[in-house]
Amino acid sequence: MRRVPESAEAARKLVRAALAAWGQEGLIEDAALVITELVSNAVDHARLESIRVVVTRPSETLVRFGVVDRSRNVPYLRTDSNGDNTRGRGLLLVDALTDRWGTDRYRWGKQVWGEMTCD
């Protein structure tokens, strides 16, 4: 998908559809916030004009949401107050809403992901 802010809506639709198909409607709202933040980070920081959104169920008890981009820069969780700036705190939300999150680095880029336990 294109690396533009409007891609967050398409990513939310993908997450909602996957979770509904898996009978995990209780996770939809939090998962939609997580994928929005992950897409937003990629839009702000990736290099090329496309990103890939990944929604998987690695086990019966987990769902994983990720965004793949061609930048090797790894995001980090900001713990400073960042002054009056309202940007730069999205990973705090990801950290709060997921059971765990991380970054898989590839030779050509990375995937930032979050996992949630199924209902």
Protein backbone atom coordinates (compact mmCIF):
# COMPACT_ATOMS: atom_id res chain seq x y z
CA MET A 1 0.00 0.00 0.00
CA ARG A 2 1.12 3.58 -0.49
CA ARG A 3 3.00 5.24 2.34
CA VAL A 4 0.49 8.05 2.91
CA PRO A 5 -1.56 9.01 6.01
CA GLU A 6 -4.76 7.78 4.34
CA SER A 7 -3.33 4.24 4.34
CA ALA A 8 -4.16 3.97 8.04
CA GLU A 9 -7.86 3.63 7.17
CA ALA A 10 -7.17 0.74 4.77
CA ALA A 11 -5.02 -0.91 7.44
CA ARG A 12 -7.80 -0.57 10.03
CA LYS A 13 -10.27 -2.20 7.61
CA LEU A 14 -7.87 -5.11 7.08
CA VAL A 15 -7.43 -5.59 10.84
CA ARG A 16 -11.18 -5.38 11.49
CA ALA A 17 -11.94 -7.92 8.76
CA ALA A 18 -9.29 -10.38 9.96
CA LEU A 19 -10.35 -10.16 13.59
CA ALA A 20 -14.03 -10.54 12.70
CA ALA A 21 -13.21 -13.62 10.59
CA TRP A 22 -11.31 -15.11 13.54
CA GLY A 23 -14.13 -14.33 15.99
CA GLN A 24 -12.00 -11.82 17.88
CA GLU A 25 -14.33 -8.82 17.78
CA GLY A 26 -13.34 -7.85 21.34
CA LEU A 27 -9.86 -6.92 20.11
CA ILE A 28 -10.96 -4.75 17.18
CA GLU A 29 -10.89 -1.30 18.77
CA ASP A 30 -7.50 -1.68 20.46
CA ALA A 31 -6.04 -3.40 17.41
CA ALA A 32 -7.28 -0.58 15.17
CA LEU A 33 -5.43 1.93 17.37
CA VAL A 34 -2.27 -0.18 17.28
CA ILE A 35 -2.22 -0.54 13.49
CA THR A 36 -2.95 3.18 13.10
CA GLU A 37 0.11 4.02 15.18
CA LEU A 38 2.32 1.53 13.33
CA VAL A 39 1.22 2.88 9.94
CA SER A 40 1.68 6.45 11.15
CA ASN A 41 5.26 5.69 12.20
CA ALA A 42 6.01 4.15 8.82
CA VAL A 43 4.45 7.11 7.01
CA ASP A 44 6.61 9.50 9.01
CA HIS A 45 9.90 7.60 8.97
CA ALA A 46 10.15 5.08 6.11
CA ARG A 47 12.11 5.83 2.96
CA LEU A 48 10.26 4.45 -0.04
CA GLU A 49 6.72 5.17 -1.15
CA SER A 50 5.16 1.84 -0.16
CA ILE A 51 4.59 -0.14 3.03
CA ARG A 52 3.05 -3.53 3.73
CA VAL A 53 0.53 -4.25 6.47
CA VAL A 54 0.61 -7.77 7.88
CA VAL A 55 -2.10 -9.38 10.02
CA THR A 56 -1.41 -12.93 11.18
CA ARG A 57 -2.47 -15.42 13.80
CA PRO A 58 0.76 -17.17 14.78
CA SER A 59 -1.09 -19.38 17.26
CA GLU A 60 -4.58 -20.04 18.56
CA THR A 61 -3.94 -17.59 21.38
CA LEU A 62 -2.21 -14.71 19.54
CA VAL A 63 -2.83 -12.22 16.76
CA ARG A 64 -0.02 -10.11 15.32
CA PHE A 65 -0.23 -6.81 13.46
CA GLY A 66 2.78 -5.44 11.65
CA VAL A 67 3.95 -2.84 9.21
CA VAL A 68 6.86 -3.58 6.91
CA ASP A 69 8.91 -0.78 5.37
CA ARG A 70 12.24 -0.35 3.65
CA SER A 71 13.91 1.73 6.38
CA ARG A 72 16.39 0.03 8.71
CA ASN A 73 15.89 2.70 11.39
CA VAL A 74 14.43 0.98 14.44
CA PRO A 75 11.79 2.89 16.43
CA TYR A 76 12.21 3.29 20.15
CA LEU A 77 9.82 3.86 23.00
CA ARG A 78 10.00 7.48 24.11
CA THR A 79 9.93 7.87 27.83
CA ASP A 80 10.74 11.58 27.97
CA SER A 81 7.97 14.15 28.21
CA ASN A 82 8.91 15.62 24.80
CA GLY A 83 7.75 19.05 26.00
CA ASP A 84 4.52 20.27 24.47
CA ASN A 85 5.01 18.19 21.33
CA THR A 86 2.04 15.86 20.88
CA ARG A 87 3.90 13.66 18.38
CA GLY A 88 6.43 10.97 19.10
CA ARG A 89 4.51 9.02 21.71
CA GLY A 90 2.67 6.49 19.53
CA LEU A 91 4.76 3.57 20.70
CA LEU A 92 3.63 4.27 24.27
CA LEU A 93 0.11 3.51 23.04
CA VAL A 94 1.31 0.39 21.21
CA ASP A 95 3.13 -0.71 24.37
CA ALA A 96 0.02 -0.16 26.50
CA LEU A 97 -2.42 -1.95 24.17
CA THR A 98 -0.36 -4.98 23.13
CA ASP A 99 0.96 -7.89 25.15
CA ARG A 100 4.30 -7.38 23.46
CA TRP A 101 5.72 -5.53 20.50
CA GLY A 102 9.01 -5.38 18.68
CA THR A 103 10.95 -4.92 15.50
CA ASP A 104 12.22 -7.60 13.13
CA ARG A 105 15.16 -6.25 11.15
CA TYR A 106 15.85 -7.38 7.62
CA ARG A 107 18.77 -6.68 5.32
CA TRP A 108 16.56 -4.29 3.34
CA GLY A 109 14.27 -2.88 6.06
CA LYS A 110 12.16 -3.91 9.03
CA GLN A 111 8.79 -4.95 10.38
CA VAL A 112 7.41 -3.27 13.50
CA TRP A 113 4.75 -5.44 15.09
CA GLY A 114 2.48 -5.86 18.08
CA GLU A 115 0.87 -8.99 19.47
CA MET A 116 -2.38 -9.35 21.40
CA THR A 117 -3.79 -12.34 23.22
CA CYS A 118 -7.05 -13.63 21.76
CA ASP A 119 -10.28 -13.37 23.74
